[in-house]
Every structure is written in structure tokens, then in C-alpha cells.
Amino acid sequence: MKCDLHVHSYHSGYASHLRFLRARDCYSSPFDVYRVAKGRGMDLVCLTDHDSIDGALEFLDRRPDVQDFIIGEEISCRVPDAPGLRVHLGAWGLTETHHREVQRLRANVADTAAYLQQEQVFFAVNHLFMLFGDEIDLDRYLREMLRLAPALETRNGAAIRRDNELVAELAGDADAAGRPLAVVGGSDAHTLQWVGTTFTESPAQTRDEFLADLRAGRATVGGRHGGLWRATSEIYGVVFNYWRALVGLERDDLSARYRIGGLAFSIASLPFQWIPAVVAFSLKSSEARRVKTYRGTRKQQTSSARVRTTTA
């Protein structure tokens, strides 16, 4: 069975940039996500909205009898002694009680992880390097993250290949050191164009068997990696959907004041619509530089460890 374990919907909240516009992080409806995912060969469908399960509950309210749907969530956590450092945990098979509790705990990623472990909710550290910006020592960060969760997202559809490959190598190192980590993959899609293009696969025949395979480490990842084209298309896709929302062609909760302000800003910014492409290029270039630096640091640490072992 295949499932894209990292997908967003309209319920993922608002974009972090230009907050005064109240543009959504994603405009896809849960029902469209389900339709597109099934059309692309996903046997199971999952929503992992940012700090919300409202999209999943909305879908199940209208489709209560489906047996191929998984409630998921991407939990935005903090590291208390590292101001500014965010960690995203993907969790699958949650209940409403789980959701309420992780939202209460998410100011401390260790407390959130401990609760999920206690409740036997399967979870993973998503896109290990995408949000890390040297807020703490790299070695400490990796030690804490690899100890935190039972799984890593080793293929994120928005991350570049070298980024995903480095995370996969770290998962392999953990296995070799006797600390096996399960692996998951998902598109991280914020537009329908990319839903189901990256996925997790297992030999399961049912949803419950699939979740059991995830916990047991019997799953593998497949599908696309990200890159400049992916980043650019998603940024422009969300911008386009925001414009559609302003004129009532997409679902939204905008008041008349926000509609007028958004339309005025959009018209005024038309000559500058090359900026999102520059932002996408900057993001992917920065990601490539970080991964190169982290890989170099990791090689140095590995070499030093070998020297110490040989000397001993």
C-alpha cells in the first residue's frame, strides 16, 4: 500500500510572510486532496495540516465510512533552550484528545515526543534540516533529534535530493549503531499539483496493517525529491489561489476589509511578481549550502572518531 504521509489542506493556517494579507498556507480542500491522491495511485490518504486536524475531521464528517483515510498532523514544536529553533513532528493515527494535548505541549518538543511515545502514536521528525539554522551546535541538534522520535522523514518532496540523502544516511547510521529508526516519505504538498508525488509504501493490506508496518520499520519511501522548479511552482500556486480567494473563487474567511486591502496590494505588486521566483531560488540555494556544510561537518566528525578509535 502507498500513502503520501505529508500533505496540507486549507486548514494549515496562514502563511508566515506578509501576515497582514491573511493569505493561507494552502488552499486545497480535504476532498480535493483525497480525490487527487487516489487518482495518483495512493491506496491510503492522509492529511497532516499544521497544528490542526480540522481538515481530517471535516472529511470524516462527510465520509464517515471510509477505511482508507488516516488522521495526521504536523506539530510545530519549539526547543526551549534554543530560541528560534522549530522542529516539525509528523504524527499519524491521532485522536482529538491527542491533538488537544500535543497543542498544549508543543512549546517543548521533548515533552511532545514523550507524550506521543506514551500514547503509542507513531511519529517522525520531518525535514530534519529544513528549519535548522545553526541555533545550537549541529552535533547536539542531531543527537537530540535522532533520540527524540522513532522515525525520520527521509524523503520530503519539497527538499532537494542531497538533503533527503543526508537524512537517509543518518537513519542508516542510527541503524548501524543499534538504534533502528523507521523511515517515512511525503510530498509536503501545499498545492494539488504535488499531492501523491512522494510517498511511503509497505506490504500492508489494510490501514491498520499499514500503521503497524510504519511502527515496525517495514515501510520504504519513494517518489520525487524537490528542487527549484517545485519550490517556484508552489509559491506561485499559493499566490494564484490567494488571488482566486480574493474574488470568491476559493474558500476563504476574509472580511470585506481584507479583500479590498488584498486586491489593492495584489494590483500594486503586479510589476514585482518576479520576486517569488527570486525567493524560491534563494531558499533552494541556501538549503544546498547548508546541506553541503552539514555533510562536511559530519565527515570531519566521522574522521575524528576513527582516529580516536585507532589510537585507543
C-alpha atoms as a PDB file:
ATOM      1  CA  MET A   1       0.000   0.000   0.000  1.00  0.00           C
ATOM      2  CA  LYS A   2       1.112   3.542  -0.754  1.00  0.00           C
ATOM      3  CA  CYS A   3       0.328   6.720   1.181  1.00  0.00           C
ATOM      4  CA  ASP A   4       1.597  10.277   0.887  1.00  0.00           C
ATOM      5  CA  LEU A   5       2.238  10.939   4.586  1.00  0.00           C
ATOM      6  CA  HIS A   6       2.841  14.697   4.358  1.00  0.00           C
ATOM      7  CA  VAL A   7       0.036  16.707   2.759  1.00  0.00           C
ATOM      8  CA  HIS A   8      -1.546  20.037   3.635  1.00  0.00           C
ATOM      9  CA  SER A   9      -5.018  21.459   3.145  1.00  0.00           C
ATOM     10  CA  TYR A  10      -6.910  24.705   3.645  1.00  0.00           C
ATOM     11  CA  HIS A  11      -6.756  24.052   7.387  1.00  0.00           C
ATOM     12  CA  SER A  12      -2.969  24.536   7.650  1.00  0.00           C
ATOM     13  CA  GLY A  13      -3.380  28.128   8.766  1.00  0.00           C
ATOM     14  CA  TYR A  14      -1.883  31.317   7.400  1.00  0.00           C
ATOM     15  CA  ALA A  15       1.379  31.962   5.580  1.00  0.00           C
ATOM     16  CA  SER A  16       4.119  33.344   7.825  1.00  0.00           C
ATOM     17  CA  HIS A  17       5.122  36.084   5.371  1.00  0.00           C
ATOM     18  CA  LEU A  18       3.045  39.243   4.753  1.00  0.00           C
ATOM     19  CA  ARG A  19       0.692  38.319   7.602  1.00  0.00           C
ATOM     20  CA  PHE A  20      -1.366  41.465   7.084  1.00  0.00           C
ATOM     21  CA  LEU A  21      -2.752  39.894   3.878  1.00  0.00           C
ATOM     22  CA  ARG A  22      -4.115  36.828   5.742  1.00  0.00           C
ATOM     23  CA  ALA A  23      -3.070  34.585   2.861  1.00  0.00           C
ATOM     24  CA  ARG A  24      -3.474  30.886   3.616  1.00  0.00           C
ATOM     25  CA  ASP A  25      -0.522  28.472   3.675  1.00  0.00           C
ATOM     26  CA  CYS A  26      -2.575  26.202   1.406  1.00  0.00           C
ATOM     27  CA  TYR A  27      -5.947  26.419  -0.342  1.00  0.00           C
ATOM     28  CA  SER A  28      -6.571  22.745  -1.151  1.00  0.00           C
ATOM     29  CA  SER A  29      -9.786  21.280   0.233  1.00  0.00           C
ATOM     30  CA  PRO A  30      -9.563  17.931   2.081  1.00  0.00           C
ATOM     31  CA  PHE A  31     -11.894  16.422  -0.517  1.00  0.00           C
ATOM     32  CA  ASP A  32      -9.736  17.552  -3.435  1.00  0.00           C
ATOM     33  CA  VAL A  33      -6.639  16.190  -1.694  1.00  0.00           C
ATOM     34  CA  TYR A  34      -8.367  12.824  -1.311  1.00  0.00           C
ATOM     35  CA  ARG A  35      -9.505  12.789  -4.957  1.00  0.00           C
ATOM     36  CA  VAL A  36      -6.081  13.729  -6.338  1.00  0.00           C
ATOM     37  CA  ALA A  37      -4.178  11.338  -4.058  1.00  0.00           C
ATOM     38  CA  LYS A  38      -6.380   8.415  -5.079  1.00  0.00           C
ATOM     39  CA  GLY A  39      -6.045   9.407  -8.726  1.00  0.00           C
ATOM     40  CA  ARG A  40      -2.247   9.233  -8.378  1.00  0.00           C
ATOM     41  CA  GLY A  41      -2.274   5.715  -7.038  1.00  0.00           C
ATOM     42  CA  MET A  42      -2.333   6.264  -3.281  1.00  0.00           C
ATOM     43  CA  ASP A  43      -4.102   3.361  -1.554  1.00  0.00           C
ATOM     44  CA  LEU A  44      -4.429   5.408   1.644  1.00  0.00           C
ATOM     45  CA  VAL A  45      -4.894   9.157   2.048  1.00  0.00           C
ATOM     46  CA  CYS A  46      -3.641  11.276   4.922  1.00  0.00           C
ATOM     47  CA  LEU A  47      -3.819  14.951   5.907  1.00  0.00           C
ATOM     48  CA  THR A  48      -1.055  16.484   8.042  1.00  0.00           C
ATOM     49  CA  ASP A  49      -2.078  20.084   8.498  1.00  0.00           C
ATOM     50  CA  HIS A  50      -0.029  22.455  10.623  1.00  0.00           C
ATOM     51  CA  ASP A  51      -1.229  22.094  14.227  1.00  0.00           C
ATOM     52  CA  SER A  52      -4.723  21.136  13.120  1.00  0.00           C
ATOM     53  CA  ILE A  53      -6.831  18.053  12.447  1.00  0.00           C
ATOM     54  CA  ASP A  54      -9.848  20.123  11.357  1.00  0.00           C
ATOM     55  CA  GLY A  55      -9.388  19.112   7.717  1.00  0.00           C
ATOM     56  CA  ALA A  56      -9.370  15.426   8.599  1.00  0.00           C
ATOM     57  CA  LEU A  57     -12.437  15.818  10.820  1.00  0.00           C
ATOM     58  CA  GLU A  58     -14.235  17.782   8.098  1.00  0.00           C
ATOM     59  CA  PHE A  59     -13.526  14.989   5.622  1.00  0.00           C
ATOM     60  CA  LEU A  60     -14.623  12.223   8.005  1.00  0.00           C
ATOM     61  CA  ASP A  61     -17.764  14.123   8.956  1.00  0.00           C
ATOM     62  CA  ARG A  62     -18.936  13.779   5.353  1.00  0.00           C
ATOM     63  CA  ARG A  63     -17.239  10.431   4.639  1.00  0.00           C
ATOM     64  CA  PRO A  64     -17.508   8.558   7.978  1.00  0.00           C
ATOM     65  CA  ASP A  65     -17.379   5.095   6.438  1.00  0.00           C
ATOM     66  CA  VAL A  66     -14.095   5.371   4.527  1.00  0.00           C
ATOM     67  CA  GLN A  67     -11.452   2.824   5.510  1.00  0.00           C
ATOM     68  CA  ASP A  68      -8.575   4.347   3.550  1.00  0.00           C
ATOM     69  CA  PHE A  69      -8.090   7.626   5.424  1.00  0.00           C
ATOM     70  CA  ILE A  70      -5.545   8.433   8.161  1.00  0.00           C
ATOM     71  CA  ILE A  71      -5.779  11.377  10.560  1.00  0.00           C
ATOM     72  CA  GLY A  72      -2.389  13.042  10.709  1.00  0.00           C
ATOM     73  CA  GLU A  73      -0.913  16.302  11.926  1.00  0.00           C
ATOM     74  CA  GLU A  74       2.312  18.258  11.520  1.00  0.00           C
ATOM     75  CA  ILE A  75       3.073  19.550  15.000  1.00  0.00           C
ATOM     76  CA  SER A  76       5.159  22.734  15.160  1.00  0.00           C
ATOM     77  CA  CYS A  77       7.352  22.414  18.252  1.00  0.00           C
ATOM     78  CA  ARG A  78       9.988  24.527  19.960  1.00  0.00           C
ATOM     79  CA  VAL A  79      13.300  23.693  21.607  1.00  0.00           C
ATOM     80  CA  PRO A  80      13.092  25.674  24.876  1.00  0.00           C
ATOM     81  CA  ASP A  81      16.797  26.495  25.264  1.00  0.00           C
ATOM     82  CA  ALA A  82      17.308  27.293  21.564  1.00  0.00           C
ATOM     83  CA  PRO A  83      15.243  30.420  20.794  1.00  0.00           C
ATOM     84  CA  GLY A  84      14.002  30.470  17.221  1.00  0.00           C
ATOM     85  CA  LEU A  85      14.570  26.770  16.553  1.00  0.00           C
ATOM     86  CA  ARG A  86      11.452  24.985  15.340  1.00  0.00           C
ATOM     87  CA  VAL A  87      11.015  21.243  14.894  1.00  0.00           C
ATOM     88  CA  HIS A  88       8.142  19.716  12.940  1.00  0.00           C
ATOM     89  CA  LEU A  89       6.888  16.345  14.092  1.00  0.00           C
ATOM     90  CA  GLY A  90       4.640  14.383  11.751  1.00  0.00           C
ATOM     91  CA  ALA A  91       2.174  12.195  13.681  1.00  0.00           C
ATOM     92  CA  TRP A  92      -0.306   9.652  12.328  1.00  0.00           C
ATOM     93  CA  GLY A  93      -3.329   7.916  13.787  1.00  0.00           C
ATOM     94  CA  LEU A  94      -4.169  10.639  16.295  1.00  0.00           C
ATOM     95  CA  THR A  95      -7.442  11.228  18.095  1.00  0.00           C
ATOM     96  CA  GLU A  96      -8.978  14.572  19.051  1.00  0.00           C
ATOM     97  CA  THR A  97      -7.691  14.033  22.599  1.00  0.00           C
ATOM     98  CA  HIS A  98      -4.149  13.526  21.282  1.00  0.00           C
ATOM     99  CA  HIS A  99      -4.428  16.677  19.192  1.00  0.00           C
ATOM    100  CA  ARG A 100      -5.522  18.831  22.116  1.00  0.00           C
ATOM    101  CA  GLU A 101      -2.722  17.537  24.319  1.00  0.00           C
ATOM    102  CA  VAL A 102       0.097  17.978  21.777  1.00  0.00           C
ATOM    103  CA  GLN A 103      -1.060  21.529  21.155  1.00  0.00           C
ATOM    104  CA  ARG A 104      -0.728  22.167  24.872  1.00  0.00           C
ATOM    105  CA  LEU A 105       2.738  20.597  24.985  1.00  0.00           C
ATOM    106  CA  ARG A 106       4.303  21.763  21.735  1.00  0.00           C
ATOM    107  CA  ALA A 107       6.281  24.610  23.320  1.00  0.00           C
ATOM    108  CA  ASN A 108       8.678  21.826  24.350  1.00  0.00           C
ATOM    109  CA  VAL A 109       9.478  19.277  21.645  1.00  0.00           C
ATOM    110  CA  ALA A 110      10.783  16.738  24.187  1.00  0.00           C
ATOM    111  CA  ASP A 111       7.527  16.833  26.159  1.00  0.00           C
ATOM    112  CA  THR A 112       5.523  16.456  22.954  1.00  0.00           C
ATOM    113  CA  ALA A 113       7.588  13.461  21.849  1.00  0.00           C
ATOM    114  CA  ALA A 114       7.346  11.835  25.277  1.00  0.00           C
ATOM    115  CA  TYR A 115       3.561  12.157  25.237  1.00  0.00           C
ATOM    116  CA  LEU A 116       3.267  10.635  21.755  1.00  0.00           C
ATOM    117  CA  GLN A 117       5.520   7.757  22.815  1.00  0.00           C
ATOM    118  CA  GLN A 118       3.417   7.214  25.920  1.00  0.00           C
ATOM    119  CA  GLU A 119       0.219   7.131  23.856  1.00  0.00           C
ATOM    120  CA  GLN A 120       1.838   4.857  21.243  1.00  0.00           C
ATOM    121  CA  VAL A 121       1.126   7.347  18.467  1.00  0.00           C
ATOM    122  CA  PHE A 122       3.615   6.837  15.637  1.00  0.00           C
ATOM    123  CA  PHE A 123       5.556   9.990  14.732  1.00  0.00           C
ATOM    124  CA  ALA A 124       8.662  11.189  12.922  1.00  0.00           C
ATOM    125  CA  VAL A 125      10.936  14.211  12.735  1.00  0.00           C
ATOM    126  CA  ASN A 126      10.033  15.890   9.459  1.00  0.00           C
ATOM    127  CA  HIS A 127      12.566  17.556   7.089  1.00  0.00           C
ATOM    128  CA  LEU A 128      15.415  17.402   9.596  1.00  0.00           C
ATOM    129  CA  PHE A 129      17.465  20.253   8.113  1.00  0.00           C
ATOM    130  CA  MET A 130      14.844  22.468   6.506  1.00  0.00           C
ATOM    131  CA  LEU A 131      14.142  24.560   9.620  1.00  0.00           C
ATOM    132  CA  PHE A 132      17.525  24.233  11.306  1.00  0.00           C
ATOM    133  CA  GLY A 133      19.630  27.384  11.126  1.00  0.00           C
ATOM    134  CA  ASP A 134      22.551  26.768  13.475  1.00  0.00           C
ATOM    135  CA  GLU A 135      20.606  27.922  16.534  1.00  0.00           C
ATOM    136  CA  ILE A 136      22.509  25.263  18.510  1.00  0.00           C
ATOM    137  CA  ASP A 137      25.553  23.105  17.842  1.00  0.00           C
ATOM    138  CA  LEU A 138      24.905  20.746  14.933  1.00  0.00           C
ATOM    139  CA  ASP A 139      26.184  17.674  16.775  1.00  0.00           C
ATOM    140  CA  ARG A 140      23.906  18.372  19.729  1.00  0.00           C
ATOM    141  CA  TYR A 141      20.946  19.005  17.426  1.00  0.00           C
ATOM    142  CA  LEU A 142      21.412  15.698  15.633  1.00  0.00           C
ATOM    143  CA  ARG A 143      21.889  13.751  18.873  1.00  0.00           C
ATOM    144  CA  GLU A 144      18.691  15.173  20.333  1.00  0.00           C
ATOM    145  CA  MET A 145      16.600  14.757  17.176  1.00  0.00           C
ATOM    146  CA  LEU A 146      17.764  11.189  16.487  1.00  0.00           C
ATOM    147  CA  ARG A 147      16.979  10.282  20.092  1.00  0.00           C
ATOM    148  CA  LEU A 148      13.634  12.045  20.033  1.00  0.00           C
ATOM    149  CA  ALA A 149      11.488  10.068  17.613  1.00  0.00           C
ATOM    150  CA  PRO A 150      11.084   6.505  16.347  1.00  0.00           C
ATOM    151  CA  ALA A 151      11.311   7.665  12.708  1.00  0.00           C
ATOM    152  CA  LEU A 152      12.774  10.196  10.299  1.00  0.00           C
ATOM    153  CA  GLU A 153      11.228  11.669   7.178  1.00  0.00           C
ATOM    154  CA  THR A 154      13.938  10.564   4.767  1.00  0.00           C
ATOM    155  CA  ARG A 155      12.157  11.746   1.638  1.00  0.00           C
ATOM    156  CA  ASN A 156      10.419  15.099   1.717  1.00  0.00           C
ATOM    157  CA  GLY A 157       9.012  16.113  -1.659  1.00  0.00           C
ATOM    158  CA  ALA A 158       9.925  19.765  -1.120  1.00  0.00           C
ATOM    159  CA  ALA A 159      13.545  19.080  -0.088  1.00  0.00           C
ATOM    160  CA  ILE A 160      16.381  18.760  -2.571  1.00  0.00           C
ATOM    161  CA  ARG A 161      17.798  15.293  -3.269  1.00  0.00           C
ATOM    162  CA  ARG A 162      21.066  15.927  -1.383  1.00  0.00           C
ATOM    163  CA  ASP A 163      19.080  16.993   1.694  1.00  0.00           C
ATOM    164  CA  ASN A 164      16.970  13.826   1.654  1.00  0.00           C
ATOM    165  CA  GLU A 165      20.015  11.651   1.004  1.00  0.00           C
ATOM    166  CA  LEU A 166      21.825  13.104   4.024  1.00  0.00           C
ATOM    167  CA  VAL A 167      18.843  12.383   6.290  1.00  0.00           C
ATOM    168  CA  ALA A 168      18.655   8.837   4.896  1.00  0.00           C
ATOM    169  CA  GLU A 169      22.363   8.369   5.671  1.00  0.00           C
ATOM    170  CA  LEU A 170      21.776   9.483   9.255  1.00  0.00           C
ATOM    171  CA  ALA A 171      18.940   6.971   9.575  1.00  0.00           C
ATOM    172  CA  GLY A 172      21.306   4.287   8.254  1.00  0.00           C
ATOM    173  CA  ASP A 173      23.980   5.281  10.771  1.00  0.00           C
ATOM    174  CA  ALA A 174      21.446   5.027  13.596  1.00  0.00           C
ATOM    175  CA  ASP A 175      20.527   1.527  12.445  1.00  0.00           C
ATOM    176  CA  ALA A 176      24.199   0.518  12.358  1.00  0.00           C
ATOM    177  CA  ALA A 177      24.644   1.875  15.880  1.00  0.00           C
ATOM    178  CA  GLY A 178      21.828  -0.317  17.191  1.00  0.00           C
ATOM    179  CA  ARG A 179      19.181   2.401  17.342  1.00  0.00           C
ATOM    180  CA  PRO A 180      16.883   1.485  14.408  1.00  0.00           C
ATOM    181  CA  LEU A 181      14.788   4.302  13.006  1.00  0.00           C
ATOM    182  CA  ALA A 182      11.758   3.828  10.785  1.00  0.00           C
ATOM    183  CA  VAL A 183      11.530   5.945   7.637  1.00  0.00           C
ATOM    184  CA  VAL A 184       8.637   7.864   6.086  1.00  0.00           C
ATOM    185  CA  GLY A 185       8.148   9.955   2.969  1.00  0.00           C
ATOM    186  CA  GLY A 186       5.635  12.507   1.799  1.00  0.00           C
ATOM    187  CA  SER A 187       5.174  15.267  -0.729  1.00  0.00           C
ATOM    188  CA  ASP A 188       4.772  18.167   1.738  1.00  0.00           C
ATOM    189  CA  ALA A 189       2.325  19.442  -0.885  1.00  0.00           C
ATOM    190  CA  HIS A 190       0.723  22.850  -0.422  1.00  0.00           C
ATOM    191  CA  THR A 191      -0.920  22.723  -3.860  1.00  0.00           C
ATOM    192  CA  LEU A 192      -2.743  19.867  -5.555  1.00  0.00           C
ATOM    193  CA  GLN A 193      -0.089  19.668  -8.258  1.00  0.00           C
ATOM    194  CA  TRP A 194       2.278  17.753  -5.968  1.00  0.00           C
ATOM    195  CA  VAL A 195      -0.097  15.601  -3.905  1.00  0.00           C
ATOM    196  CA  GLY A 196       0.870  11.926  -4.109  1.00  0.00           C
ATOM    197  CA  THR A 197       4.163  12.503  -5.930  1.00  0.00           C
ATOM    198  CA  THR A 198       6.226  11.370  -2.896  1.00  0.00           C
ATOM    199  CA  PHE A 199       5.032   8.570  -0.668  1.00  0.00           C
ATOM    200  CA  THR A 200       5.587   5.801   1.859  1.00  0.00           C
ATOM    201  CA  GLU A 201       4.984   2.183   0.884  1.00  0.00           C
ATOM    202  CA  SER A 202       4.560  -1.045   2.856  1.00  0.00           C
ATOM    203  CA  PRO A 203       3.363  -4.629   2.243  1.00  0.00           C
ATOM    204  CA  ALA A 204       0.164  -3.936   4.223  1.00  0.00           C
ATOM    205  CA  GLN A 205      -3.321  -4.841   3.017  1.00  0.00           C
ATOM    206  CA  THR A 206      -5.308  -2.558   5.360  1.00  0.00           C
ATOM    207  CA  ARG A 207      -4.938   0.826   7.027  1.00  0.00           C
ATOM    208  CA  ASP A 208      -4.238  -0.729  10.425  1.00  0.00           C
ATOM    209  CA  GLU A 209      -1.613  -3.037   8.938  1.00  0.00           C
ATOM    210  CA  PHE A 210      -0.012  -0.041   7.222  1.00  0.00           C
ATOM    211  CA  LEU A 211       0.265   1.855  10.532  1.00  0.00           C
ATOM    212  CA  ALA A 212       1.695  -1.279  12.151  1.00  0.00           C
ATOM    213  CA  ASP A 213       4.265  -1.536   9.345  1.00  0.00           C
ATOM    214  CA  LEU A 214       5.306   2.067   9.963  1.00  0.00           C
ATOM    215  CA  ARG A 215       5.923   1.331  13.647  1.00  0.00           C
ATOM    216  CA  ALA A 216       7.799  -1.862  12.858  1.00  0.00           C
ATOM    217  CA  GLY A 217      10.080  -0.204  10.297  1.00  0.00           C
ATOM    218  CA  ARG A 218       8.720  -2.272   7.417  1.00  0.00           C
ATOM    219  CA  ALA A 219       7.994   0.754   5.214  1.00  0.00           C
ATOM    220  CA  THR A 220      10.069   2.258   2.408  1.00  0.00           C
ATOM    221  CA  VAL A 221       9.938   5.644   0.697  1.00  0.00           C
ATOM    222  CA  GLY A 222       9.573   6.548  -2.970  1.00  0.00           C
ATOM    223  CA  GLY A 223       8.683   9.288  -5.412  1.00  0.00           C
ATOM    224  CA  ARG A 224      10.096  12.695  -6.207  1.00  0.00           C
ATOM    225  CA  HIS A 225      12.591  14.921  -4.464  1.00  0.00           C
ATOM    226  CA  GLY A 226      12.191  18.688  -4.502  1.00  0.00           C
ATOM    227  CA  GLY A 227      14.116  21.433  -6.222  1.00  0.00           C
ATOM    228  CA  LEU A 228      13.899  24.920  -7.674  1.00  0.00           C
ATOM    229  CA  TRP A 229      11.006  24.132 -10.023  1.00  0.00           C
ATOM    230  CA  ARG A 230       8.986  22.550  -7.234  1.00  0.00           C
ATOM    231  CA  ALA A 231       9.558  25.498  -4.881  1.00  0.00           C
ATOM    232  CA  THR A 232       8.752  28.062  -7.563  1.00  0.00           C
ATOM    233  CA  SER A 233       5.578  26.320  -8.701  1.00  0.00           C
ATOM    234  CA  GLU A 234       4.260  26.010  -5.148  1.00  0.00           C
ATOM    235  CA  ILE A 235       4.917  29.652  -4.285  1.00  0.00           C
ATOM    236  CA  TYR A 236       3.174  30.888  -7.423  1.00  0.00           C
ATOM    237  CA  GLY A 237       0.437  28.292  -6.964  1.00  0.00           C
ATOM    238  CA  VAL A 238      -0.398  29.593  -3.491  1.00  0.00           C
ATOM    239  CA  VAL A 239      -0.254  33.209  -4.726  1.00  0.00           C
ATOM    240  CA  PHE A 240      -2.646  32.362  -7.572  1.00  0.00           C
ATOM    241  CA  ASN A 241      -5.037  30.615  -5.190  1.00  0.00           C
ATOM    242  CA  TYR A 242      -4.907  33.640  -2.881  1.00  0.00           C
ATOM    243  CA  TRP A 243      -5.970  35.846  -5.775  1.00  0.00           C
ATOM    244  CA  ARG A 244      -8.814  33.428  -6.506  1.00  0.00           C
ATOM    245  CA  ALA A 245      -9.869  33.651  -2.867  1.00  0.00           C
ATOM    246  CA  LEU A 246      -9.963  37.430  -3.066  1.00  0.00           C
ATOM    247  CA  VAL A 247     -12.586  37.267  -5.821  1.00  0.00           C
ATOM    248  CA  GLY A 248     -14.545  34.429  -4.236  1.00  0.00           C
ATOM    249  CA  LEU A 249     -13.294  31.525  -6.373  1.00  0.00           C
ATOM    250  CA  GLU A 250     -11.564  29.761  -3.446  1.00  0.00           C
ATOM    251  CA  ARG A 251     -12.783  29.072   0.060  1.00  0.00           C
ATOM    252  CA  ASP A 252     -11.722  31.792   2.487  1.00  0.00           C
ATOM    253  CA  ASP A 253     -12.662  33.630   5.667  1.00  0.00           C
ATOM    254  CA  LEU A 254     -11.657  37.112   4.518  1.00  0.00           C
ATOM    255  CA  SER A 255     -13.696  40.124   5.576  1.00  0.00           C
ATOM    256  CA  ALA A 256     -14.502  42.881   3.075  1.00  0.00           C
ATOM    257  CA  ARG A 257     -11.684  44.969   4.540  1.00  0.00           C
ATOM    258  CA  TYR A 258      -9.120  42.227   3.926  1.00  0.00           C
ATOM    259  CA  ARG A 259     -10.465  41.573   0.432  1.00  0.00           C
ATOM    260  CA  ILE A 260     -10.150  45.223  -0.558  1.00  0.00           C
ATOM    261  CA  GLY A 261      -6.706  45.515   1.007  1.00  0.00           C
ATOM    262  CA  GLY A 262      -5.550  42.277  -0.611  1.00  0.00           C
ATOM    263  CA  LEU A 263      -6.796  43.309  -4.047  1.00  0.00           C
ATOM    264  CA  ALA A 264      -5.119  46.716  -3.743  1.00  0.00           C
ATOM    265  CA  PHE A 265      -1.825  45.130  -2.675  1.00  0.00           C
ATOM    266  CA  SER A 266      -2.013  42.492  -5.436  1.00  0.00           C
ATOM    267  CA  ILE A 267      -2.607  45.079  -8.149  1.00  0.00           C
ATOM    268  CA  ALA A 268       0.187  47.299  -6.849  1.00  0.00           C
ATOM    269  CA  SER A 269       2.595  44.344  -6.685  1.00  0.00           C
ATOM    270  CA  LEU A 270       1.954  43.039 -10.230  1.00  0.00           C
ATOM    271  CA  PRO A 271       5.177  44.579 -11.623  1.00  0.00           C
ATOM    272  CA  PHE A 272       7.106  42.737  -8.920  1.00  0.00           C
ATOM    273  CA  GLN A 273       5.835  39.200  -9.473  1.00  0.00           C
ATOM    274  CA  TRP A 274       9.373  38.114 -10.290  1.00  0.00           C
ATOM    275  CA  ILE A 275      10.153  38.320  -6.559  1.00  0.00           C
ATOM    276  CA  PRO A 276       8.649  34.889  -5.666  1.00  0.00           C
ATOM    277  CA  ALA A 277      10.988  33.270  -8.209  1.00  0.00           C
ATOM    278  CA  VAL A 278      13.947  35.004  -6.543  1.00  0.00           C
ATOM    279  CA  VAL A 279      12.709  33.843  -3.137  1.00  0.00           C
ATOM    280  CA  ALA A 280      12.464  30.245  -4.392  1.00  0.00           C
ATOM    281  CA  PHE A 281      15.986  30.412  -5.829  1.00  0.00           C
ATOM    282  CA  SER A 282      17.314  31.862  -2.567  1.00  0.00           C
ATOM    283  CA  LEU A 283      15.611  29.173  -0.467  1.00  0.00           C
ATOM    284  CA  LYS A 284      16.936  26.280  -2.530  1.00  0.00           C
ATOM    285  CA  SER A 285      20.433  27.784  -2.804  1.00  0.00           C
ATOM    286  CA  SER A 286      20.528  28.262   0.954  1.00  0.00           C
ATOM    287  CA  GLU A 287      19.334  24.701   1.503  1.00  0.00           C
ATOM    288  CA  ALA A 288      22.067  23.343  -0.779  1.00  0.00           C
ATOM    289  CA  ARG A 289      24.752  25.372   1.062  1.00  0.00           C
ATOM    290  CA  ARG A 290      23.534  24.189   4.472  1.00  0.00           C
ATOM    291  CA  VAL A 291      23.470  20.555   3.432  1.00  0.00           C
ATOM    292  CA  LYS A 292      26.999  20.843   1.990  1.00  0.00           C
ATOM    293  CA  THR A 293      28.213  22.379   5.249  1.00  0.00           C
ATOM    294  CA  TYR A 294      26.487  19.769   7.412  1.00  0.00           C
ATOM    295  CA  ARG A 295      27.819  16.927   5.294  1.00  0.00           C
ATOM    296  CA  GLY A 296      31.339  18.342   5.610  1.00  0.00           C
ATOM    297  CA  THR A 297      30.972  18.677   9.382  1.00  0.00           C
ATOM    298  CA  ARG A 298      29.685  15.118   9.605  1.00  0.00           C
ATOM    299  CA  LYS A 299      32.669  13.801   7.613  1.00  0.00           C
ATOM    300  CA  GLN A 300      35.086  15.637   9.906  1.00  0.00           C
ATOM    301  CA  GLN A 301      33.403  14.180  12.988  1.00  0.00           C
ATOM    302  CA  THR A 302      33.467  10.689  11.489  1.00  0.00           C
ATOM    303  CA  SER A 303      37.165  11.000  10.639  1.00  0.00           C
ATOM    304  CA  SER A 304      37.984  12.266  14.138  1.00  0.00           C
ATOM    305  CA  ALA A 305      36.072   9.365  15.686  1.00  0.00           C
ATOM    306  CA  ARG A 306      38.022   6.882  13.574  1.00  0.00           C
ATOM    307  CA  VAL A 307      41.327   8.457  14.618  1.00  0.00           C
ATOM    308  CA  ARG A 308      40.372   8.243  18.298  1.00  0.00           C
ATOM    309  CA  THR A 309      39.319   4.605  17.897  1.00  0.00           C
ATOM    310  CA  THR A 310      42.559   3.694  16.109  1.00  0.00           C
ATOM    311  CA  THR A 311      44.660   5.489  18.727  1.00  0.00           C
ATOM    312  CA  ALA A 312      42.820   3.746  21.550  1.00  0.00           C
END
